Amino acid sequence: MQKGEHLASDGRVFYKVRHVPETNSYFPTPFEVELWRIPINEQMLALRRTLDVRFGVGLQLIRANTNAQWMLVIERGDPKSQLDPDPTATNLENVDWEPDPILEQRLIITPNYTSHQCGVRIKRDIDLVSKQDTLTCDTMLYGIWSGANAKVPPNANFVLRACLVNFDIENRAETDARGWLAYALIGTEELEKDGTIKIRPPQAIII
């Protein structure tokens, strides 16, 4: 245990939990899942290029006596370089993850299999008014794209990751919650021009 970390117990075992700031909620860290992580640099995301990430998540409970939920988040991080003791060569100290996700969606999990599609697009271009190098950001949920420029990275050197966090179950009379939790990284459903739906595999491309 590190200073400031928390433990909880279900009456059988102790496990680490993460406190959500400004709330009274704690969630088990053993149930946190990183689906993918993508490091980007300014050479990859050159001017007039766009990072396009699209994926889906399939979820299901098996032989469970309660429903459950996860929060799906897409987070942005800054790959820090250690500067001390000066001088240092280029290195990787850690990735500082922003506390405010680019995208956040609640996913309720039941015995019925469900799929959820989402994505993010980050474009690098020249602003026609200011003539400055700028980034713009859009997010996608269930095929609908929305602007998210308030969450855009400050420059073209960043890391993205998608995670399932804040796992929780229903508050029921049964104190001995049981069941299997299944998840999978899947593709996205996209509507073709002829009206058919095509399943595309998860993608992370720069175009």
N, C-alpha and C. Protein backbone atom coordinates (compact mmCIF):
# COMPACT_ATOMS: atom_id res chain seq x y z
N MET A 1 0.83 -1.20 0.00
CA MET A 1 0.00 0.00 0.00
C MET A 1 0.86 1.24 0.00
N GLN A 2 0.46 2.23 -0.82
CA GLN A 2 1.12 3.52 -0.85
C GLN A 2 0.31 4.52 -0.03
N LYS A 3 0.98 5.60 0.37
CA LYS A 3 0.30 6.64 1.14
C LYS A 3 -0.86 7.19 0.33
N GLY A 4 -2.02 7.31 0.97
CA GLY A 4 -3.20 7.85 0.30
C GLY A 4 -4.06 6.81 -0.39
N GLU A 5 -3.61 5.54 -0.46
CA GLU A 5 -4.42 4.49 -1.08
C GLU A 5 -5.43 3.94 -0.07
N HIS A 6 -6.48 3.26 -0.57
CA HIS A 6 -7.57 2.80 0.28
C HIS A 6 -7.80 1.31 0.07
N LEU A 7 -8.32 0.66 1.13
CA LEU A 7 -8.71 -0.74 1.08
C LEU A 7 -10.18 -0.88 1.45
N ALA A 8 -10.82 -1.92 0.90
CA ALA A 8 -12.18 -2.27 1.29
C ALA A 8 -12.27 -3.78 1.41
N SER A 9 -13.39 -4.27 1.93
CA SER A 9 -13.57 -5.70 2.08
C SER A 9 -15.02 -6.07 1.80
N ASP A 10 -15.22 -7.24 1.18
CA ASP A 10 -16.57 -7.76 0.97
C ASP A 10 -16.92 -8.80 2.03
N GLY A 11 -16.14 -8.89 3.09
CA GLY A 11 -16.35 -9.87 4.14
C GLY A 11 -15.54 -11.13 3.95
N ARG A 12 -14.94 -11.26 2.75
CA ARG A 12 -14.12 -12.44 2.48
C ARG A 12 -12.66 -12.07 2.24
N VAL A 13 -12.44 -11.05 1.44
CA VAL A 13 -11.07 -10.61 1.11
C VAL A 13 -11.00 -9.09 1.17
N PHE A 14 -9.79 -8.57 1.30
CA PHE A 14 -9.53 -7.14 1.18
C PHE A 14 -9.04 -6.85 -0.23
N TYR A 15 -9.41 -5.70 -0.76
CA TYR A 15 -8.96 -5.31 -2.10
C TYR A 15 -8.81 -3.79 -2.15
N LYS A 16 -7.97 -3.33 -3.08
CA LYS A 16 -7.75 -1.90 -3.22
C LYS A 16 -8.95 -1.25 -3.89
N VAL A 17 -9.25 -0.04 -3.47
CA VAL A 17 -10.32 0.74 -4.09
C VAL A 17 -9.79 2.12 -4.44
N ARG A 18 -10.45 2.73 -5.42
CA ARG A 18 -10.08 4.08 -5.86
C ARG A 18 -11.19 5.05 -5.48
N HIS A 19 -10.82 6.14 -4.83
CA HIS A 19 -11.78 7.15 -4.42
C HIS A 19 -12.04 8.11 -5.56
N VAL A 20 -13.31 8.36 -5.86
CA VAL A 20 -13.67 9.36 -6.86
C VAL A 20 -13.68 10.72 -6.19
N PRO A 21 -12.83 11.66 -6.61
CA PRO A 21 -12.73 12.96 -5.94
C PRO A 21 -14.07 13.66 -5.83
N GLU A 22 -14.26 14.35 -4.71
CA GLU A 22 -15.44 15.15 -4.42
C GLU A 22 -16.71 14.31 -4.29
N THR A 23 -16.56 12.99 -4.03
CA THR A 23 -17.70 12.12 -3.78
C THR A 23 -17.40 11.24 -2.58
N ASN A 24 -18.40 10.47 -2.16
CA ASN A 24 -18.21 9.47 -1.11
C ASN A 24 -18.15 8.07 -1.69
N SER A 25 -17.79 7.96 -2.97
CA SER A 25 -17.79 6.67 -3.66
C SER A 25 -16.37 6.12 -3.82
N TYR A 26 -16.26 4.80 -3.64
CA TYR A 26 -15.01 4.06 -3.82
C TYR A 26 -15.30 2.86 -4.72
N PHE A 27 -14.41 2.59 -5.67
CA PHE A 27 -14.64 1.50 -6.61
C PHE A 27 -13.41 0.58 -6.64
N PRO A 28 -13.64 -0.74 -6.83
CA PRO A 28 -12.54 -1.72 -6.74
C PRO A 28 -11.59 -1.62 -7.94
N THR A 29 -10.33 -1.40 -7.67
CA THR A 29 -9.35 -1.31 -8.76
C THR A 29 -9.07 -2.66 -9.43
N PRO A 30 -9.24 -3.84 -8.76
CA PRO A 30 -9.04 -5.10 -9.49
C PRO A 30 -9.99 -5.30 -10.66
N PHE A 31 -11.11 -4.55 -10.69
CA PHE A 31 -12.06 -4.67 -11.78
C PHE A 31 -11.85 -3.61 -12.86
N GLU A 32 -10.79 -2.85 -12.78
CA GLU A 32 -10.50 -1.86 -13.82
C GLU A 32 -9.75 -2.54 -14.98
N VAL A 33 -10.18 -2.25 -16.19
CA VAL A 33 -9.64 -2.89 -17.39
C VAL A 33 -9.17 -1.82 -18.36
N GLU A 34 -7.93 -1.94 -18.83
CA GLU A 34 -7.46 -1.08 -19.92
C GLU A 34 -7.68 -1.82 -21.23
N LEU A 35 -8.49 -1.25 -22.10
CA LEU A 35 -8.82 -1.90 -23.38
C LEU A 35 -7.74 -1.68 -24.42
N TRP A 36 -7.18 -0.48 -24.47
CA TRP A 36 -6.09 -0.18 -25.39
C TRP A 36 -5.38 1.11 -24.96
N ARG A 37 -4.16 1.27 -25.48
CA ARG A 37 -3.36 2.47 -25.20
C ARG A 37 -2.57 2.83 -26.46
N ILE A 38 -2.64 4.10 -26.89
CA ILE A 38 -2.01 4.53 -28.13
C ILE A 38 -1.16 5.77 -27.87
N PRO A 39 0.17 5.69 -28.04
CA PRO A 39 1.01 6.89 -27.94
C PRO A 39 1.10 7.58 -29.31
N ILE A 40 0.98 8.90 -29.30
CA ILE A 40 1.02 9.70 -30.53
C ILE A 40 2.11 10.75 -30.39
N ASN A 41 2.85 11.00 -31.50
CA ASN A 41 3.81 12.10 -31.50
C ASN A 41 3.56 13.02 -32.69
N GLU A 42 4.23 14.17 -32.70
CA GLU A 42 3.95 15.19 -33.70
C GLU A 42 4.39 14.80 -35.11
N GLN A 43 5.29 13.82 -35.22
CA GLN A 43 5.65 13.33 -36.55
C GLN A 43 4.55 12.43 -37.11
N MET A 44 3.95 11.61 -36.26
CA MET A 44 2.83 10.77 -36.69
C MET A 44 1.63 11.62 -37.07
N LEU A 45 1.26 12.54 -36.19
CA LEU A 45 0.10 13.40 -36.43
C LEU A 45 0.58 14.72 -37.04
N ALA A 46 1.06 14.64 -38.28
CA ALA A 46 1.58 15.81 -38.97
C ALA A 46 0.42 16.74 -39.35
N LEU A 47 0.75 17.93 -39.83
CA LEU A 47 -0.27 18.90 -40.23
C LEU A 47 -1.22 18.30 -41.26
N ARG A 48 -2.50 18.59 -41.07
CA ARG A 48 -3.59 18.14 -41.94
C ARG A 48 -3.79 16.63 -41.91
N ARG A 49 -3.38 16.01 -40.82
CA ARG A 49 -3.67 14.60 -40.60
C ARG A 49 -4.65 14.45 -39.45
N THR A 50 -5.36 13.31 -39.48
CA THR A 50 -6.39 13.05 -38.46
C THR A 50 -6.18 11.65 -37.87
N LEU A 51 -6.16 11.58 -36.54
CA LEU A 51 -6.17 10.31 -35.83
C LEU A 51 -7.62 9.88 -35.67
N ASP A 52 -7.96 8.70 -36.18
CA ASP A 52 -9.34 8.19 -36.14
C ASP A 52 -9.34 6.85 -35.41
N VAL A 53 -9.96 6.82 -34.23
CA VAL A 53 -10.04 5.60 -33.41
C VAL A 53 -11.51 5.23 -33.25
N ARG A 54 -11.86 3.99 -33.64
CA ARG A 54 -13.23 3.51 -33.48
C ARG A 54 -13.18 2.07 -32.98
N PHE A 55 -14.05 1.78 -32.02
CA PHE A 55 -14.06 0.44 -31.44
C PHE A 55 -15.38 0.20 -30.74
N GLY A 56 -15.61 -1.04 -30.38
CA GLY A 56 -16.79 -1.39 -29.61
C GLY A 56 -16.41 -2.25 -28.42
N VAL A 57 -17.33 -2.36 -27.49
CA VAL A 57 -17.15 -3.20 -26.30
C VAL A 57 -18.38 -4.08 -26.16
N GLY A 58 -18.16 -5.39 -26.08
CA GLY A 58 -19.25 -6.32 -25.83
C GLY A 58 -19.24 -6.75 -24.37
N LEU A 59 -20.42 -6.74 -23.73
CA LEU A 59 -20.51 -7.01 -22.29
C LEU A 59 -21.64 -8.00 -22.00
N GLN A 60 -21.41 -8.85 -21.00
CA GLN A 60 -22.44 -9.79 -20.58
C GLN A 60 -22.12 -10.36 -19.20
N LEU A 61 -23.15 -10.55 -18.39
CA LEU A 61 -23.04 -11.28 -17.14
C LEU A 61 -23.51 -12.71 -17.35
N ILE A 62 -22.81 -13.66 -16.74
CA ILE A 62 -23.14 -15.07 -16.90
C ILE A 62 -23.41 -15.68 -15.52
N ARG A 63 -24.58 -16.26 -15.37
CA ARG A 63 -25.00 -16.91 -14.12
C ARG A 63 -24.80 -15.97 -12.92
N ALA A 64 -25.27 -14.76 -13.08
CA ALA A 64 -25.11 -13.74 -12.02
C ALA A 64 -26.42 -13.54 -11.28
N ASN A 65 -26.32 -13.18 -10.02
CA ASN A 65 -27.53 -12.90 -9.23
C ASN A 65 -27.72 -11.41 -9.01
N THR A 66 -27.06 -10.57 -9.83
CA THR A 66 -27.20 -9.13 -9.76
C THR A 66 -26.81 -8.53 -11.09
N ASN A 67 -27.33 -7.35 -11.39
CA ASN A 67 -26.83 -6.59 -12.52
C ASN A 67 -25.60 -5.78 -12.07
N ALA A 68 -24.90 -5.23 -13.04
CA ALA A 68 -23.67 -4.51 -12.71
C ALA A 68 -23.50 -3.34 -13.67
N GLN A 69 -22.45 -2.57 -13.46
CA GLN A 69 -22.15 -1.48 -14.39
C GLN A 69 -20.65 -1.21 -14.42
N TRP A 70 -20.22 -0.64 -15.53
CA TRP A 70 -18.89 -0.08 -15.71
C TRP A 70 -19.06 1.32 -16.27
N MET A 71 -18.06 2.14 -16.09
CA MET A 71 -17.95 3.40 -16.81
C MET A 71 -16.87 3.22 -17.88
N LEU A 72 -17.23 3.49 -19.13
CA LEU A 72 -16.25 3.47 -20.21
C LEU A 72 -15.68 4.87 -20.37
N VAL A 73 -14.36 5.00 -20.32
CA VAL A 73 -13.72 6.30 -20.45
C VAL A 73 -12.62 6.23 -21.51
N ILE A 74 -12.47 7.32 -22.25
CA ILE A 74 -11.30 7.53 -23.09
C ILE A 74 -10.54 8.68 -22.47
N GLU A 75 -9.30 8.41 -22.07
CA GLU A 75 -8.50 9.39 -21.33
C GLU A 75 -7.30 9.84 -22.15
N ARG A 76 -6.87 11.06 -21.87
CA ARG A 76 -5.68 11.61 -22.50
C ARG A 76 -4.58 11.78 -21.47
N GLY A 77 -3.36 11.40 -21.85
CA GLY A 77 -2.22 11.54 -20.95
C GLY A 77 -1.07 12.29 -21.59
N ASP A 78 -0.24 12.85 -20.73
CA ASP A 78 0.96 13.57 -21.16
C ASP A 78 2.18 12.73 -20.78
N PRO A 79 2.96 12.26 -21.78
CA PRO A 79 4.14 11.44 -21.48
C PRO A 79 5.28 12.30 -20.95
N LYS A 80 5.42 12.33 -19.66
CA LYS A 80 6.41 13.18 -19.02
C LYS A 80 7.83 12.63 -19.18
N SER A 81 8.79 13.54 -19.29
CA SER A 81 10.20 13.17 -19.32
C SER A 81 10.85 13.64 -18.03
N GLN A 82 11.65 12.77 -17.41
CA GLN A 82 12.30 13.13 -16.16
C GLN A 82 13.40 14.15 -16.42
N LEU A 83 13.39 15.24 -15.68
CA LEU A 83 14.34 16.34 -15.90
C LEU A 83 15.43 16.41 -14.83
N ASP A 84 15.28 15.63 -13.78
CA ASP A 84 16.24 15.68 -12.67
C ASP A 84 16.88 14.31 -12.49
N PRO A 85 18.21 14.20 -12.30
CA PRO A 85 19.18 15.30 -12.16
C PRO A 85 19.60 15.86 -13.52
N ASP A 86 19.59 17.17 -13.61
CA ASP A 86 19.93 17.87 -14.84
C ASP A 86 21.44 17.78 -15.11
N PRO A 87 21.89 17.53 -16.34
CA PRO A 87 21.08 17.31 -17.55
C PRO A 87 20.71 15.85 -17.72
N THR A 88 19.58 15.59 -18.38
CA THR A 88 19.15 14.22 -18.65
C THR A 88 18.93 14.04 -20.15
N ALA A 89 19.04 12.81 -20.61
CA ALA A 89 18.68 12.50 -21.98
C ALA A 89 17.16 12.35 -22.07
N THR A 90 16.65 12.21 -23.30
CA THR A 90 15.22 11.99 -23.46
C THR A 90 14.83 10.66 -22.83
N ASN A 91 13.87 10.69 -21.91
CA ASN A 91 13.46 9.48 -21.20
C ASN A 91 11.97 9.55 -20.91
N LEU A 92 11.46 8.51 -20.33
CA LEU A 92 10.05 8.46 -19.96
C LEU A 92 9.93 8.29 -18.46
N GLU A 93 9.42 9.32 -17.79
CA GLU A 93 9.22 9.24 -16.35
C GLU A 93 7.90 8.53 -16.04
N ASN A 94 6.82 9.05 -16.58
CA ASN A 94 5.50 8.44 -16.42
C ASN A 94 4.54 9.12 -17.38
N VAL A 95 3.31 8.68 -17.39
CA VAL A 95 2.25 9.33 -18.15
C VAL A 95 1.29 9.96 -17.16
N ASP A 96 1.14 11.27 -17.24
CA ASP A 96 0.19 11.99 -16.39
C ASP A 96 -1.18 11.98 -17.07
N TRP A 97 -2.13 11.28 -16.49
CA TRP A 97 -3.46 11.17 -17.09
C TRP A 97 -4.35 12.31 -16.60
N GLU A 98 -5.02 12.97 -17.54
CA GLU A 98 -5.94 14.04 -17.18
C GLU A 98 -7.12 13.49 -16.40
N PRO A 99 -7.54 14.14 -15.32
CA PRO A 99 -8.65 13.62 -14.52
C PRO A 99 -10.00 13.70 -15.23
N ASP A 100 -10.12 14.59 -16.22
CA ASP A 100 -11.38 14.77 -16.94
C ASP A 100 -11.30 14.01 -18.27
N PRO A 101 -12.00 12.89 -18.43
CA PRO A 101 -11.87 12.09 -19.66
C PRO A 101 -12.37 12.83 -20.90
N ILE A 102 -11.83 12.44 -22.05
CA ILE A 102 -12.34 12.96 -23.32
C ILE A 102 -13.77 12.47 -23.55
N LEU A 103 -14.02 11.21 -23.18
CA LEU A 103 -15.35 10.61 -23.33
C LEU A 103 -15.64 9.76 -22.10
N GLU A 104 -16.88 9.78 -21.64
CA GLU A 104 -17.30 8.99 -20.48
C GLU A 104 -18.72 8.51 -20.70
N GLN A 105 -18.94 7.19 -20.59
CA GLN A 105 -20.27 6.63 -20.81
C GLN A 105 -20.55 5.51 -19.82
N ARG A 106 -21.69 5.57 -19.18
CA ARG A 106 -22.12 4.52 -18.25
C ARG A 106 -22.64 3.32 -19.03
N LEU A 107 -22.17 2.11 -18.68
CA LEU A 107 -22.59 0.88 -19.33
C LEU A 107 -23.17 -0.06 -18.28
N ILE A 108 -24.46 -0.35 -18.37
CA ILE A 108 -25.12 -1.28 -17.45
C ILE A 108 -25.04 -2.68 -18.05
N ILE A 109 -24.63 -3.65 -17.24
CA ILE A 109 -24.37 -5.00 -17.71
C ILE A 109 -25.42 -5.95 -17.13
N THR A 110 -26.02 -6.77 -18.00
CA THR A 110 -27.06 -7.72 -17.59
C THR A 110 -26.73 -9.08 -18.21
N PRO A 111 -27.53 -10.11 -17.95
CA PRO A 111 -27.29 -11.41 -18.59
C PRO A 111 -27.48 -11.39 -20.11
N ASN A 112 -28.10 -10.34 -20.65
CA ASN A 112 -28.25 -10.21 -22.10
C ASN A 112 -27.02 -9.53 -22.68
N TYR A 113 -26.43 -10.14 -23.70
CA TYR A 113 -25.24 -9.57 -24.34
C TYR A 113 -25.59 -8.23 -24.99
N THR A 114 -24.77 -7.21 -24.74
CA THR A 114 -24.96 -5.89 -25.36
C THR A 114 -23.62 -5.40 -25.89
N SER A 115 -23.70 -4.60 -26.96
CA SER A 115 -22.49 -4.02 -27.53
C SER A 115 -22.63 -2.50 -27.55
N HIS A 116 -21.51 -1.83 -27.39
CA HIS A 116 -21.48 -0.36 -27.32
C HIS A 116 -20.35 0.13 -28.21
N GLN A 117 -20.67 1.06 -29.12
CA GLN A 117 -19.68 1.58 -30.05
C GLN A 117 -19.30 3.01 -29.69
N CYS A 118 -18.02 3.30 -29.79
CA CYS A 118 -17.58 4.67 -29.52
C CYS A 118 -16.27 4.94 -30.26
N GLY A 119 -15.81 6.17 -30.19
CA GLY A 119 -14.57 6.51 -30.88
C GLY A 119 -14.16 7.94 -30.60
N VAL A 120 -13.02 8.32 -31.16
CA VAL A 120 -12.50 9.67 -31.01
C VAL A 120 -11.71 10.03 -32.26
N ARG A 121 -11.83 11.28 -32.70
CA ARG A 121 -11.05 11.79 -33.82
C ARG A 121 -10.33 13.06 -33.36
N ILE A 122 -9.02 13.11 -33.62
CA ILE A 122 -8.24 14.30 -33.31
C ILE A 122 -7.54 14.73 -34.58
N LYS A 123 -7.80 15.96 -35.02
CA LYS A 123 -7.27 16.48 -36.28
C LYS A 123 -6.30 17.62 -36.01
N ARG A 124 -5.19 17.61 -36.74
CA ARG A 124 -4.21 18.68 -36.63
C ARG A 124 -4.24 19.51 -37.91
N ASP A 125 -4.38 20.82 -37.77
CA ASP A 125 -4.50 21.69 -38.95
C ASP A 125 -4.01 23.10 -38.61
N ILE A 126 -4.09 23.98 -39.59
CA ILE A 126 -3.74 25.39 -39.40
C ILE A 126 -5.03 26.20 -39.30
N ASP A 127 -5.17 26.94 -38.23
CA ASP A 127 -6.33 27.81 -38.08
C ASP A 127 -6.25 28.94 -39.09
N LEU A 128 -7.31 29.12 -39.90
CA LEU A 128 -7.28 30.10 -40.98
C LEU A 128 -7.25 31.53 -40.48
N VAL A 129 -7.73 31.77 -39.27
CA VAL A 129 -7.77 33.13 -38.72
C VAL A 129 -6.45 33.48 -38.04
N SER A 130 -6.05 32.63 -37.08
CA SER A 130 -4.85 32.92 -36.30
C SER A 130 -3.57 32.43 -36.96
N LYS A 131 -3.69 31.57 -37.98
CA LYS A 131 -2.53 30.96 -38.66
C LYS A 131 -1.70 30.10 -37.70
N GLN A 132 -2.34 29.61 -36.62
CA GLN A 132 -1.64 28.80 -35.63
C GLN A 132 -1.91 27.32 -35.87
N ASP A 133 -0.95 26.51 -35.46
CA ASP A 133 -1.08 25.05 -35.46
C ASP A 133 -2.11 24.68 -34.39
N THR A 134 -3.22 24.06 -34.79
CA THR A 134 -4.30 23.76 -33.84
C THR A 134 -4.73 22.30 -33.94
N LEU A 135 -5.31 21.81 -32.84
CA LEU A 135 -5.90 20.48 -32.81
C LEU A 135 -7.39 20.62 -32.52
N THR A 136 -8.20 19.79 -33.17
CA THR A 136 -9.63 19.72 -32.88
C THR A 136 -9.98 18.29 -32.52
N CYS A 137 -11.05 18.13 -31.75
CA CYS A 137 -11.41 16.80 -31.23
C CYS A 137 -12.91 16.56 -31.38
N ASP A 138 -13.27 15.35 -31.81
CA ASP A 138 -14.66 14.90 -31.85
C ASP A 138 -14.73 13.52 -31.21
N THR A 139 -15.86 13.23 -30.58
CA THR A 139 -16.07 11.90 -30.00
C THR A 139 -17.32 11.28 -30.62
N MET A 140 -17.35 9.94 -30.60
CA MET A 140 -18.47 9.21 -31.18
C MET A 140 -19.06 8.24 -30.18
N LEU A 141 -20.40 8.24 -30.08
CA LEU A 141 -21.14 7.26 -29.29
C LEU A 141 -22.27 6.72 -30.14
N TYR A 142 -22.27 5.42 -30.35
CA TYR A 142 -23.32 4.74 -31.09
C TYR A 142 -23.55 5.35 -32.47
N GLY A 143 -22.45 5.70 -33.14
CA GLY A 143 -22.52 6.20 -34.50
C GLY A 143 -22.73 7.69 -34.64
N ILE A 144 -22.92 8.40 -33.54
CA ILE A 144 -23.17 9.85 -33.59
C ILE A 144 -21.93 10.60 -33.13
N TRP A 145 -21.43 11.49 -33.98
CA TRP A 145 -20.24 12.27 -33.67
C TRP A 145 -20.63 13.62 -33.06
N SER A 146 -19.86 14.04 -32.05
CA SER A 146 -20.10 15.33 -31.38
C SER A 146 -18.77 16.03 -31.15
N GLY A 147 -18.80 17.35 -31.14
CA GLY A 147 -17.60 18.12 -30.88
C GLY A 147 -17.15 18.00 -29.44
N ALA A 148 -15.83 17.92 -29.25
CA ALA A 148 -15.28 17.82 -27.89
C ALA A 148 -13.99 18.63 -27.80
N ASN A 149 -14.01 19.83 -28.38
CA ASN A 149 -12.80 20.64 -28.41
C ASN A 149 -12.34 21.07 -27.03
N ALA A 150 -13.24 21.04 -26.04
CA ALA A 150 -12.83 21.39 -24.68
C ALA A 150 -11.87 20.35 -24.11
N LYS A 151 -11.84 19.15 -24.70
CA LYS A 151 -10.99 18.07 -24.19
C LYS A 151 -9.77 17.83 -25.08
N VAL A 152 -9.52 18.70 -26.04
CA VAL A 152 -8.46 18.46 -27.01
C VAL A 152 -7.08 18.55 -26.35
N PRO A 153 -6.12 17.72 -26.78
CA PRO A 153 -4.75 17.82 -26.23
C PRO A 153 -4.13 19.18 -26.56
N PRO A 154 -3.20 19.66 -25.73
CA PRO A 154 -2.58 20.97 -25.99
C PRO A 154 -1.59 20.93 -27.15
N ASN A 155 -1.06 19.74 -27.49
CA ASN A 155 -0.14 19.61 -28.61
C ASN A 155 -0.23 18.20 -29.16
N ALA A 156 0.56 17.91 -30.19
CA ALA A 156 0.45 16.63 -30.90
C ALA A 156 1.28 15.51 -30.28
N ASN A 157 1.75 15.69 -29.06
CA ASN A 157 2.47 14.64 -28.33
C ASN A 157 1.63 14.23 -27.12
N PHE A 158 0.94 13.10 -27.22
CA PHE A 158 0.03 12.69 -26.16
C PHE A 158 -0.17 11.18 -26.23
N VAL A 159 -0.86 10.65 -25.22
CA VAL A 159 -1.22 9.23 -25.17
C VAL A 159 -2.72 9.14 -24.93
N LEU A 160 -3.38 8.25 -25.66
CA LEU A 160 -4.79 7.96 -25.44
C LEU A 160 -4.95 6.55 -24.90
N ARG A 161 -5.95 6.36 -24.06
CA ARG A 161 -6.28 5.00 -23.63
C ARG A 161 -7.78 4.92 -23.36
N ALA A 162 -8.32 3.72 -23.54
CA ALA A 162 -9.71 3.44 -23.20
C ALA A 162 -9.74 2.44 -22.06
N CYS A 163 -10.57 2.72 -21.06
CA CYS A 163 -10.62 1.88 -19.86
C CYS A 163 -12.06 1.64 -19.44
N LEU A 164 -12.27 0.52 -18.76
CA LEU A 164 -13.51 0.25 -18.05
C LEU A 164 -13.22 0.43 -16.56
N VAL A 165 -13.90 1.37 -15.92
CA VAL A 165 -13.62 1.72 -14.53
C VAL A 165 -14.93 1.80 -13.75
N ASN A 166 -14.79 2.07 -12.44
CA ASN A 166 -15.94 2.29 -11.54
C ASN A 166 -16.93 1.12 -11.58
N PHE A 167 -16.40 -0.11 -11.49
CA PHE A 167 -17.28 -1.27 -11.48
C PHE A 167 -18.16 -1.25 -10.23
N ASP A 168 -19.45 -1.58 -10.42
CA ASP A 168 -20.39 -1.56 -9.30
C ASP A 168 -21.49 -2.58 -9.56
N ILE A 169 -22.14 -3.03 -8.49
CA ILE A 169 -23.28 -3.94 -8.59
C ILE A 169 -24.47 -3.30 -7.88
N GLU A 170 -25.65 -3.89 -8.11
CA GLU A 170 -26.86 -3.38 -7.48
C GLU A 170 -26.81 -3.53 -5.97
N ASN A 171 -27.46 -2.61 -5.27
CA ASN A 171 -27.63 -2.72 -3.82
C ASN A 171 -28.87 -3.58 -3.55
N ARG A 172 -28.64 -4.88 -3.34
CA ARG A 172 -29.75 -5.82 -3.17
C ARG A 172 -29.67 -6.49 -1.81
N ALA A 173 -30.71 -7.20 -1.48
CA ALA A 173 -30.73 -7.89 -0.18
C ALA A 173 -29.67 -8.97 -0.12
N GLU A 174 -29.34 -9.58 -1.28
CA GLU A 174 -28.31 -10.61 -1.29
C GLU A 174 -26.95 -9.96 -1.07
N THR A 175 -26.29 -10.35 -0.02
CA THR A 175 -24.97 -9.79 0.25
C THR A 175 -23.86 -10.59 -0.44
N ASP A 176 -24.19 -11.79 -0.89
CA ASP A 176 -23.19 -12.65 -1.49
C ASP A 176 -23.38 -12.64 -3.01
N ALA A 177 -22.95 -11.53 -3.64
CA ALA A 177 -23.11 -11.39 -5.09
C ALA A 177 -22.20 -12.37 -5.81
N ARG A 178 -22.77 -13.03 -6.83
CA ARG A 178 -22.01 -14.03 -7.59
C ARG A 178 -22.24 -13.84 -9.08
N GLY A 179 -21.32 -14.34 -9.89
CA GLY A 179 -21.51 -14.32 -11.33
C GLY A 179 -20.20 -14.18 -12.06
N TRP A 180 -20.26 -14.44 -13.38
CA TRP A 180 -19.12 -14.26 -14.26
C TRP A 180 -19.33 -13.00 -15.08
N LEU A 181 -18.25 -12.26 -15.28
CA LEU A 181 -18.31 -11.00 -16.04
C LEU A 181 -17.48 -11.16 -17.31
N ALA A 182 -18.14 -11.04 -18.46
CA ALA A 182 -17.46 -11.21 -19.74
C ALA A 182 -17.41 -9.88 -20.49
N TYR A 183 -16.26 -9.57 -21.07
CA TYR A 183 -16.12 -8.37 -21.90
C TYR A 183 -15.20 -8.69 -23.07
N ALA A 184 -15.35 -7.93 -24.15
CA ALA A 184 -14.52 -8.14 -25.34
C ALA A 184 -14.41 -6.84 -26.11
N LEU A 185 -13.23 -6.59 -26.66
CA LEU A 185 -13.02 -5.47 -27.57
C LEU A 185 -13.49 -5.92 -28.95
N ILE A 186 -14.48 -5.23 -29.50
CA ILE A 186 -15.08 -5.64 -30.76
C ILE A 186 -15.07 -4.48 -31.75
N GLY A 187 -15.62 -4.73 -32.94
CA GLY A 187 -15.67 -3.71 -33.98
C GLY A 187 -16.87 -2.80 -33.82
N THR A 188 -17.08 -1.97 -34.83
CA THR A 188 -18.19 -1.02 -34.83
C THR A 188 -19.16 -1.36 -35.95
N GLU A 189 -20.42 -1.04 -35.72
CA GLU A 189 -21.46 -1.22 -36.73
C GLU A 189 -21.60 0.08 -37.52
N GLU A 190 -21.40 0.00 -38.83
CA GLU A 190 -21.45 1.20 -39.66
C GLU A 190 -22.42 0.98 -40.81
N LEU A 191 -23.24 2.00 -41.07
CA LEU A 191 -24.26 1.93 -42.10
C LEU A 191 -23.65 2.22 -43.46
N GLU A 192 -23.80 1.30 -44.40
CA GLU A 192 -23.30 1.48 -45.75
C GLU A 192 -24.29 2.30 -46.58
N LYS A 193 -23.84 2.78 -47.75
CA LYS A 193 -24.69 3.60 -48.62
C LYS A 193 -25.90 2.84 -49.13
N ASP A 194 -25.79 1.51 -49.26
CA ASP A 194 -26.92 0.73 -49.74
C ASP A 194 -27.90 0.35 -48.62
N GLY A 195 -27.65 0.85 -47.40
CA GLY A 195 -28.56 0.59 -46.29
C GLY A 195 -28.21 -0.60 -45.45
N THR A 196 -27.21 -1.36 -45.83
CA THR A 196 -26.79 -2.51 -45.04
C THR A 196 -25.86 -2.07 -43.92
N ILE A 197 -25.78 -2.90 -42.89
CA ILE A 197 -24.90 -2.62 -41.75
C ILE A 197 -23.68 -3.52 -41.85
N LYS A 198 -22.50 -2.92 -41.80
CA LYS A 198 -21.26 -3.68 -41.90
C LYS A 198 -20.50 -3.57 -40.59
N ILE A 199 -19.96 -4.69 -40.14
CA ILE A 199 -19.15 -4.70 -38.93
C ILE A 199 -17.70 -4.46 -39.32
N ARG A 200 -17.13 -3.37 -38.83
CA ARG A 200 -15.73 -3.06 -39.10
C ARG A 200 -14.90 -3.38 -37.85
N PRO A 201 -13.73 -3.95 -38.03
CA PRO A 201 -12.90 -4.28 -36.85
C PRO A 201 -12.45 -3.01 -36.14
N PRO A 202 -12.03 -3.12 -34.87
CA PRO A 202 -11.50 -1.94 -34.18
C PRO A 202 -10.36 -1.32 -34.99
N GLN A 203 -10.32 0.00 -35.03
CA GLN A 203 -9.29 0.66 -35.83
C GLN A 203 -8.69 1.85 -35.09
N ALA A 204 -7.42 2.08 -35.36
CA ALA A 204 -6.73 3.28 -34.91
C ALA A 204 -5.80 3.66 -36.06
N ILE A 205 -6.23 4.60 -36.88
CA ILE A 205 -5.47 4.97 -38.08
C ILE A 205 -5.26 6.47 -38.12
N ILE A 206 -4.21 6.86 -38.83
CA ILE A 206 -3.93 8.29 -39.09
C ILE A 206 -4.06 8.48 -40.58
N ILE A 207 -4.95 9.39 -40.98
CA ILE A 207 -5.23 9.61 -42.40
C ILE A 207 -5.00 11.07 -42.78
